Amino acid sequence: MEKRKAHRVGRSSTAVTLPHKWVIQNGIQPGEYLFIHESDQKTLILTTSDTISGRDSVKEFEILSSTPPVQLVRLLIGTYLVGANDVTFKCKDAPFSAAQLEVLNKSIGRLTGFLVVEQTDDMFSVRNYLEPTGALFSDHLGQLLSTTTRMVNMVPRLLANPGSSELYRVISTLGDQSDMLYYLTVRILLMSLSNRRLLIDLGFDGPQEVVGGRLIAKSLEEICDRIECMARLVEDYDNEGRVTDEDLHANLKKRIDHICELIDVSVEGYFSGSVSLPDSALQELYDLERSKQGPLLSYIENEANTKATGMLSGFRSLIQEVGRLTRVISEVAMNNSLRRI
C-alpha cells in the first residue's frame, strides 16, 4: 500500500498524483481520460477503461431446458471471446436436456483455457485458467498460420482422393484446431483493446495493429473453414469422380504451393513491419480471384464426367476464395508496415 497526499485544485476539486510505475505500466499520457468507479463509501477504483474487468469477467445465464443448444454455444463462445473468466448456465426448469449438456461439453474443448468446474442437474459452470500473456500473441497467430497452410497444402490430395473418409477426418481435426486457435487469438486481441497494459505486454503499437491482427486471424480461419467444407463435399464422391489428369494435378499443386508462400510472407511481414511482397503478387492474387480462364476451367469445359465436373467447379471456387483471403492478409500486412514508417 502506498500513501499519497491530496491537493486542492481550483475551488471544488481535490487531486492525488498517480504512482509513476503504474503510469508507465499502463502507458498513461497527459490529457488522457481515466475512469473512476465508486465501490463503496470509502473505496474508489481507478481504471483505464470504462468497465471493471472483475465484473465483466463473470457471466451468468438463466435458461430453460427447451432453450436451443445452438443458442447456448453462441453464448458460451461469445463470452469467451470478450474475455469472461467465469461463465455459469442455470437451468430454471432443471434438468438440462441431454443435447444441451452434450454441446456445452463439446464446445468447452474448443475454448483454450476453459475447464468445467461444476456440472449438476441445474447448473453448468466453467472457469478460465489461462492468462492472456501466458504465450506471445505471435506464437498463437503463428500456430494458426501453420495449421492453415497445412490444410491448404492438402487441397490437391482432396482432388486426387475423392471419397476418402480418412482424409476428411484429418482435415476435420485440423479444422477444429484452427477454431481453437482463432477463438484464443480473438479473445486476446479483444482483451488488449480494453487493457492498455496488456496491449503493451503483447507488443502492439496501438489499436490499429490489433484490428489488423484480427482481420488476418479471421481470414486464416475462413480459409480453413472453406477447405473443411470442401472436404465434407468430396467425401460423398466415389472413384467415378476421380480426376486423373497428371498435368492438372501438377498445375494445381504449383498454384497451391505459391499461395502458401504468399500467406507465409504476408503474416511474417505483419510482425516484422517489412513485407517483401511485390505488387505483381497482389495483382496475381486479384487475377486469380476473378479469373475466368485457367487449367481447371478448361478441364471443366472438356470433361464429360458430370461428377468430376461438379467436383472441379467446387475446387475452382475454393481456390479463388483462398486467393481472395490471401490478398486480404497481404493488404493488411502491407498497410501495417506502411503505418510503422
Protein backbone atom coordinates (compact mmCIF):
# COMPACT_ATOMS: atom_id res chain seq x y z
CA MET A 1 0.00 0.00 0.00
CA GLU A 2 1.19 3.49 -0.80
CA LYS A 3 0.09 6.71 0.95
CA ARG A 4 -0.27 9.94 -1.04
CA LYS A 5 -1.32 13.44 -0.06
CA ALA A 6 -4.46 15.07 -1.51
CA HIS A 7 -4.07 18.55 -3.05
CA ARG A 8 -6.66 21.28 -3.56
CA VAL A 9 -7.27 22.11 -7.24
CA GLY A 10 -9.45 25.10 -8.07
CA ARG A 11 -12.46 25.89 -5.87
CA SER A 12 -14.11 22.50 -5.52
CA SER A 13 -11.76 19.75 -6.76
CA THR A 14 -9.14 17.66 -4.99
CA ALA A 15 -6.30 15.90 -6.82
CA VAL A 16 -4.00 12.97 -6.00
CA THR A 17 -0.91 12.21 -8.10
CA LEU A 18 -0.60 8.76 -9.70
CA PRO A 19 2.28 6.38 -8.91
CA HIS A 20 4.94 6.69 -11.62
CA LYS A 21 5.32 2.91 -12.01
CA TRP A 22 1.57 2.45 -12.61
CA VAL A 23 1.56 5.30 -15.15
CA ILE A 24 4.43 3.72 -17.11
CA GLN A 25 2.95 0.20 -16.99
CA ASN A 26 -0.38 1.40 -18.36
CA GLY A 27 1.06 3.87 -20.87
CA ILE A 28 -0.84 6.84 -19.44
CA GLN A 29 -0.21 10.11 -21.27
CA PRO A 30 -1.11 13.64 -20.08
CA GLY A 31 -4.56 14.63 -21.33
CA GLU A 32 -5.92 11.07 -21.46
CA TYR A 33 -9.12 10.13 -19.64
CA LEU A 34 -9.18 7.73 -16.70
CA PHE A 35 -12.30 6.22 -15.18
CA ILE A 36 -13.29 6.29 -11.51
CA HIS A 37 -15.70 3.65 -10.19
CA GLU A 38 -17.26 4.04 -6.73
CA SER A 39 -17.15 0.68 -4.95
CA ASP A 40 -18.43 1.84 -1.55
CA GLN A 41 -18.34 4.96 0.60
CA LYS A 42 -14.60 4.65 1.28
CA THR A 43 -13.33 2.96 -1.89
CA LEU A 44 -12.74 4.28 -5.39
CA ILE A 45 -11.43 2.12 -8.25
CA LEU A 46 -9.33 3.82 -10.94
CA THR A 47 -9.15 2.12 -14.35
CA THR A 48 -8.05 2.89 -17.90
CA SER A 49 -11.37 1.63 -19.31
CA ASP A 50 -15.00 2.46 -18.56
CA THR A 51 -15.67 -1.05 -17.22
CA ILE A 52 -14.22 -3.05 -14.35
CA SER A 53 -12.71 -6.29 -15.62
CA GLY A 54 -13.61 -8.15 -12.46
CA ARG A 55 -17.30 -7.55 -13.08
CA ASP A 56 -17.17 -8.23 -16.81
CA SER A 57 -15.22 -11.45 -16.31
CA VAL A 58 -18.17 -13.16 -14.59
CA LYS A 59 -21.19 -14.07 -16.70
CA GLU A 60 -24.33 -15.90 -15.59
CA PHE A 61 -27.21 -17.00 -17.83
CA GLU A 62 -30.60 -18.36 -16.84
CA ILE A 63 -32.00 -20.74 -19.44
CA LEU A 64 -34.76 -23.31 -19.89
CA SER A 65 -34.40 -26.98 -20.75
CA SER A 66 -36.12 -26.08 -24.03
CA THR A 67 -33.54 -23.44 -24.98
CA PRO A 68 -31.97 -24.48 -28.31
CA PRO A 69 -28.47 -25.96 -27.77
CA VAL A 70 -27.04 -23.78 -30.55
CA GLN A 71 -28.03 -20.69 -28.56
CA LEU A 72 -26.03 -21.94 -25.57
CA VAL A 73 -23.00 -22.46 -27.81
CA ARG A 74 -23.25 -18.89 -29.10
CA LEU A 75 -23.49 -17.52 -25.57
CA LEU A 76 -20.53 -19.58 -24.37
CA ILE A 77 -18.26 -18.71 -27.29
CA GLY A 78 -19.33 -15.06 -27.22
CA THR A 79 -18.49 -14.63 -23.53
CA TYR A 80 -15.18 -16.41 -24.09
CA LEU A 81 -14.24 -14.02 -26.91
CA VAL A 82 -14.98 -10.88 -24.89
CA GLY A 83 -12.73 -12.05 -22.04
CA ALA A 84 -15.04 -13.67 -19.48
CA ASN A 85 -13.24 -15.86 -16.95
CA ASP A 86 -16.23 -17.43 -15.20
CA VAL A 87 -19.38 -18.49 -17.04
CA THR A 88 -22.38 -20.19 -15.46
CA PHE A 89 -25.57 -21.53 -17.01
CA LYS A 90 -28.53 -22.13 -14.67
CA CYS A 91 -31.49 -24.16 -15.87
CA LYS A 92 -34.67 -22.74 -14.28
CA ASP A 93 -36.72 -25.86 -15.02
CA ALA A 94 -33.98 -28.43 -14.33
CA PRO A 95 -32.59 -30.70 -15.51
CA PHE A 96 -30.63 -29.68 -18.60
CA SER A 97 -31.55 -31.64 -21.71
CA ALA A 98 -29.04 -34.23 -22.91
CA ALA A 99 -28.49 -32.23 -26.10
CA GLN A 100 -27.68 -29.08 -24.12
CA LEU A 101 -25.08 -30.81 -21.96
CA GLU A 102 -23.58 -32.52 -24.99
CA VAL A 103 -22.99 -29.31 -26.95
CA LEU A 104 -21.72 -27.40 -23.91
CA ASN A 105 -19.14 -30.07 -23.05
CA LYS A 106 -18.12 -30.35 -26.70
CA SER A 107 -17.74 -26.57 -27.04
CA ILE A 108 -15.51 -26.35 -23.97
CA GLY A 109 -12.96 -28.48 -25.78
CA ARG A 110 -12.62 -25.76 -28.43
CA LEU A 111 -12.09 -22.91 -25.93
CA THR A 112 -8.47 -22.93 -24.80
CA GLY A 113 -8.15 -22.27 -21.05
CA PHE A 114 -11.78 -23.05 -20.18
CA LEU A 115 -12.46 -26.02 -17.88
CA VAL A 116 -15.69 -27.28 -16.35
CA VAL A 117 -15.62 -26.64 -12.59
CA GLU A 118 -19.16 -27.76 -11.70
CA GLN A 119 -21.91 -29.64 -13.50
CA THR A 120 -25.22 -30.57 -11.87
CA ASP A 121 -28.81 -31.07 -12.99
CA ASP A 122 -29.46 -27.33 -12.94
CA MET A 123 -26.01 -25.70 -13.23
CA PHE A 124 -23.11 -25.80 -15.67
CA SER A 125 -20.12 -23.69 -14.65
CA VAL A 126 -16.76 -23.14 -16.39
CA ARG A 127 -13.66 -21.15 -15.49
CA ASN A 128 -10.67 -19.83 -17.41
CA TYR A 129 -7.21 -20.91 -16.24
CA LEU A 130 -5.10 -19.32 -18.98
CA GLU A 131 -3.51 -15.90 -18.63
CA PRO A 132 -3.60 -13.84 -21.85
CA THR A 133 0.15 -13.25 -21.58
CA GLY A 134 0.93 -16.93 -20.99
CA ALA A 135 2.35 -17.03 -24.53
CA LEU A 136 3.25 -14.42 -27.11
CA PHE A 137 0.49 -13.36 -29.48
CA SER A 138 2.84 -14.09 -32.36
CA ASP A 139 3.02 -17.71 -31.18
CA HIS A 140 -0.77 -18.13 -31.34
CA LEU A 141 -1.07 -16.50 -34.75
CA GLY A 142 1.93 -18.50 -35.94
CA GLN A 143 0.21 -21.73 -34.94
CA LEU A 144 -2.94 -20.66 -36.77
CA LEU A 145 -0.83 -19.85 -39.83
CA SER A 146 0.85 -23.26 -39.68
CA THR A 147 -2.49 -25.06 -39.43
CA THR A 148 -3.90 -23.02 -42.32
CA THR A 149 -1.02 -23.67 -44.71
CA ARG A 150 -1.10 -27.37 -43.82
CA MET A 151 -4.78 -27.51 -44.76
CA VAL A 152 -4.22 -25.55 -47.97
CA ASN A 153 -1.46 -27.98 -48.94
CA MET A 154 -3.95 -30.85 -48.60
CA VAL A 155 -6.24 -29.46 -51.34
CA PRO A 156 -4.50 -31.37 -54.17
CA ARG A 157 -4.86 -34.59 -52.15
CA LEU A 158 -8.58 -33.95 -51.87
CA LEU A 159 -8.87 -33.73 -55.63
CA ALA A 160 -6.82 -36.89 -56.11
CA ASN A 161 -8.68 -38.93 -53.46
CA PRO A 162 -12.45 -38.28 -53.65
CA GLY A 163 -14.50 -40.25 -51.16
CA SER A 164 -11.60 -40.67 -48.70
CA SER A 165 -13.08 -40.75 -45.20
CA GLU A 166 -9.64 -40.87 -43.62
CA LEU A 167 -8.53 -37.68 -45.38
CA TYR A 168 -11.75 -35.95 -44.35
CA ARG A 169 -11.16 -36.90 -40.70
CA VAL A 170 -7.66 -35.43 -40.80
CA ILE A 171 -8.91 -32.17 -42.30
CA SER A 172 -11.83 -32.06 -39.84
CA THR A 173 -9.38 -32.42 -36.93
CA LEU A 174 -7.22 -29.63 -38.31
CA GLY A 175 -10.38 -27.53 -38.74
CA ASP A 176 -11.21 -27.98 -35.04
CA GLN A 177 -7.65 -26.97 -34.18
CA SER A 178 -7.94 -23.83 -36.31
CA ASP A 179 -11.17 -22.91 -34.49
CA MET A 180 -9.44 -23.24 -31.11
CA LEU A 181 -6.53 -21.07 -32.20
CA TYR A 182 -8.85 -18.49 -33.78
CA TYR A 183 -11.04 -18.17 -30.69
CA LEU A 184 -8.00 -17.80 -28.45
CA THR A 185 -6.41 -15.23 -30.76
CA VAL A 186 -9.56 -13.10 -30.93
CA ARG A 187 -10.06 -13.33 -27.16
CA ILE A 188 -6.55 -11.97 -26.55
CA LEU A 189 -6.96 -9.22 -29.15
CA LEU A 190 -10.30 -8.01 -27.79
CA MET A 191 -8.99 -8.04 -24.22
CA SER A 192 -6.00 -5.94 -25.25
CA LEU A 193 -8.28 -3.22 -26.68
CA SER A 194 -9.72 -2.57 -23.21
CA ASN A 195 -6.49 -3.14 -21.28
CA ARG A 196 -3.65 -0.80 -22.14
CA ARG A 197 -1.11 -2.72 -20.10
CA LEU A 198 -1.96 -5.97 -21.90
CA LEU A 199 -1.73 -4.10 -25.22
CA ILE A 200 1.82 -3.08 -24.38
CA ASP A 201 2.79 -6.51 -22.98
CA LEU A 202 1.66 -8.16 -26.22
CA GLY A 203 3.89 -5.81 -28.19
CA PHE A 204 1.22 -3.84 -30.06
CA ASP A 205 1.86 -0.23 -31.03
CA GLY A 206 -1.82 0.69 -30.93
CA PRO A 207 -5.41 -0.34 -31.62
CA GLN A 208 -4.88 -0.24 -35.41
CA GLU A 209 -2.37 -3.07 -35.16
CA VAL A 210 -4.83 -5.09 -33.06
CA VAL A 211 -7.53 -4.63 -35.70
CA GLY A 212 -5.07 -5.76 -38.35
CA GLY A 213 -4.28 -8.90 -36.37
CA ARG A 214 -7.99 -9.60 -36.04
CA LEU A 215 -8.50 -9.34 -39.81
CA ILE A 216 -5.59 -11.67 -40.51
CA ALA A 217 -6.79 -14.24 -37.97
CA LYS A 218 -10.31 -14.13 -39.41
CA SER A 219 -9.01 -14.61 -42.96
CA LEU A 220 -6.90 -17.60 -41.92
CA GLU A 221 -9.86 -19.14 -40.11
CA GLU A 222 -12.14 -18.62 -43.12
CA ILE A 223 -9.63 -20.37 -45.37
CA CYS A 224 -9.68 -23.36 -43.01
CA ASP A 225 -13.49 -23.36 -42.90
CA ARG A 226 -13.79 -23.40 -46.68
CA ILE A 227 -11.32 -26.27 -47.04
CA GLU A 228 -13.19 -28.22 -44.37
CA CYS A 229 -16.48 -27.67 -46.22
CA MET A 230 -14.87 -28.81 -49.49
CA ALA A 231 -13.55 -31.94 -47.76
CA ARG A 232 -17.05 -32.70 -46.50
CA LEU A 233 -18.43 -32.46 -50.04
CA VAL A 234 -15.63 -34.52 -51.59
CA GLU A 235 -16.17 -37.28 -49.03
CA ASP A 236 -19.50 -38.03 -50.74
CA TYR A 237 -17.83 -38.62 -54.11
CA ASP A 238 -16.57 -42.00 -55.26
CA ASN A 239 -13.95 -43.12 -57.76
CA GLU A 240 -16.26 -42.15 -60.62
CA GLY A 241 -15.49 -38.53 -59.82
CA ARG A 242 -11.72 -39.05 -59.71
CA VAL A 243 -9.63 -36.68 -61.84
CA THR A 244 -6.62 -38.45 -63.35
CA ASP A 245 -5.07 -35.74 -65.50
CA GLU A 246 -1.45 -35.51 -64.23
CA ASP A 247 -0.81 -32.09 -65.75
CA LEU A 248 -3.86 -30.72 -63.97
CA HIS A 249 -2.69 -32.10 -60.61
CA ALA A 250 0.82 -30.72 -61.15
CA ASN A 251 -0.52 -27.27 -62.05
CA LEU A 252 -2.84 -27.26 -59.04
CA LYS A 253 -0.02 -28.23 -56.67
CA LYS A 254 2.19 -25.48 -58.10
CA ARG A 255 -0.57 -22.90 -57.60
CA ILE A 256 -1.25 -24.10 -54.05
CA ASP A 257 2.45 -24.00 -53.11
CA HIS A 258 2.67 -20.43 -54.36
CA ILE A 259 -0.41 -19.35 -52.40
CA CYS A 260 1.04 -20.87 -49.21
CA GLU A 261 4.27 -18.97 -49.82
CA LEU A 262 2.37 -15.68 -50.16
CA ILE A 263 0.41 -16.37 -46.96
CA ASP A 264 3.64 -17.06 -45.03
CA VAL A 265 5.35 -13.92 -46.32
CA SER A 266 2.34 -11.73 -45.55
CA VAL A 267 1.81 -12.91 -41.97
CA GLU A 268 5.52 -12.71 -41.19
CA GLY A 269 5.53 -9.21 -42.65
CA TYR A 270 2.71 -8.21 -40.31
CA PHE A 271 5.02 -8.86 -37.34
CA SER A 272 8.28 -7.60 -38.83
CA GLY A 273 6.78 -4.48 -40.41
CA SER A 274 8.53 -5.27 -43.67
CA VAL A 275 6.53 -7.11 -46.31
CA SER A 276 8.73 -8.33 -49.17
CA LEU A 277 5.72 -8.84 -51.38
CA PRO A 278 5.90 -7.28 -54.85
CA ASP A 279 2.90 -5.50 -56.34
CA SER A 280 2.83 -8.21 -59.01
CA ALA A 281 1.95 -10.78 -56.32
CA LEU A 282 -1.09 -8.79 -55.22
CA GLN A 283 -2.14 -8.39 -58.82
CA GLU A 284 -1.69 -12.12 -59.31
CA LEU A 285 -3.99 -12.84 -56.37
CA TYR A 286 -6.52 -10.35 -57.68
CA ASP A 287 -6.42 -12.01 -61.11
CA LEU A 288 -6.76 -15.44 -59.51
CA GLU A 289 -9.83 -14.29 -57.60
CA ARG A 290 -11.54 -13.04 -60.76
CA SER A 291 -10.03 -15.47 -63.25
CA LYS A 292 -12.30 -16.77 -66.00
CA GLN A 293 -9.55 -18.87 -67.53
CA GLY A 294 -7.04 -21.47 -66.40
CA PRO A 295 -6.45 -25.22 -66.46
CA LEU A 296 -9.30 -26.05 -64.08
CA LEU A 297 -11.84 -24.18 -66.18
CA SER A 298 -10.50 -25.71 -69.40
CA TYR A 299 -10.75 -29.18 -67.89
CA ILE A 300 -14.31 -28.50 -66.69
CA GLU A 301 -15.39 -27.39 -70.16
CA ASN A 302 -13.93 -30.50 -71.79
CA GLU A 303 -14.87 -33.07 -69.13
CA ALA A 304 -17.74 -35.43 -69.94
CA ASN A 305 -17.91 -36.95 -66.45
CA THR A 306 -20.55 -34.89 -64.64
CA LYS A 307 -19.31 -35.95 -61.18
CA ALA A 308 -15.76 -34.85 -61.99
CA THR A 309 -17.09 -31.61 -63.47
CA GLY A 310 -19.06 -30.82 -60.32
CA MET A 311 -16.08 -31.52 -58.09
CA LEU A 312 -13.73 -29.43 -60.22
CA SER A 313 -16.15 -26.50 -60.17
CA GLY A 314 -16.10 -26.66 -56.38
CA PHE A 315 -12.29 -26.70 -56.31
CA ARG A 316 -12.12 -23.76 -58.69
CA SER A 317 -14.38 -21.70 -56.41
CA LEU A 318 -12.33 -22.80 -53.39
CA ILE A 319 -9.03 -21.70 -54.92
CA GLN A 320 -10.50 -18.34 -55.96
CA GLU A 321 -11.77 -17.77 -52.42
CA VAL A 322 -8.44 -18.77 -50.87
CA GLY A 323 -6.77 -16.33 -53.26
CA ARG A 324 -9.14 -13.54 -52.18
CA LEU A 325 -8.50 -14.15 -48.47
CA THR A 326 -4.74 -14.34 -49.07
CA ARG A 327 -4.96 -10.94 -50.79
CA VAL A 328 -6.78 -9.55 -47.73
CA ILE A 329 -3.98 -10.83 -45.46
CA SER A 330 -1.34 -9.31 -47.76
CA GLU A 331 -3.02 -5.91 -47.87
CA VAL A 332 -3.47 -5.79 -44.08
CA ALA A 333 0.20 -6.68 -43.57
CA MET A 334 1.35 -4.04 -46.06
CA ASN A 335 -0.86 -1.36 -44.51
CA ASN A 336 0.57 -2.22 -41.11
CA SER A 337 4.13 -1.90 -42.41
CA LEU A 338 3.32 1.48 -44.01
CA ARG A 339 1.82 2.72 -40.74
CA ARG A 340 5.07 1.92 -38.94
CA ILE A 341 7.17 4.01 -41.30
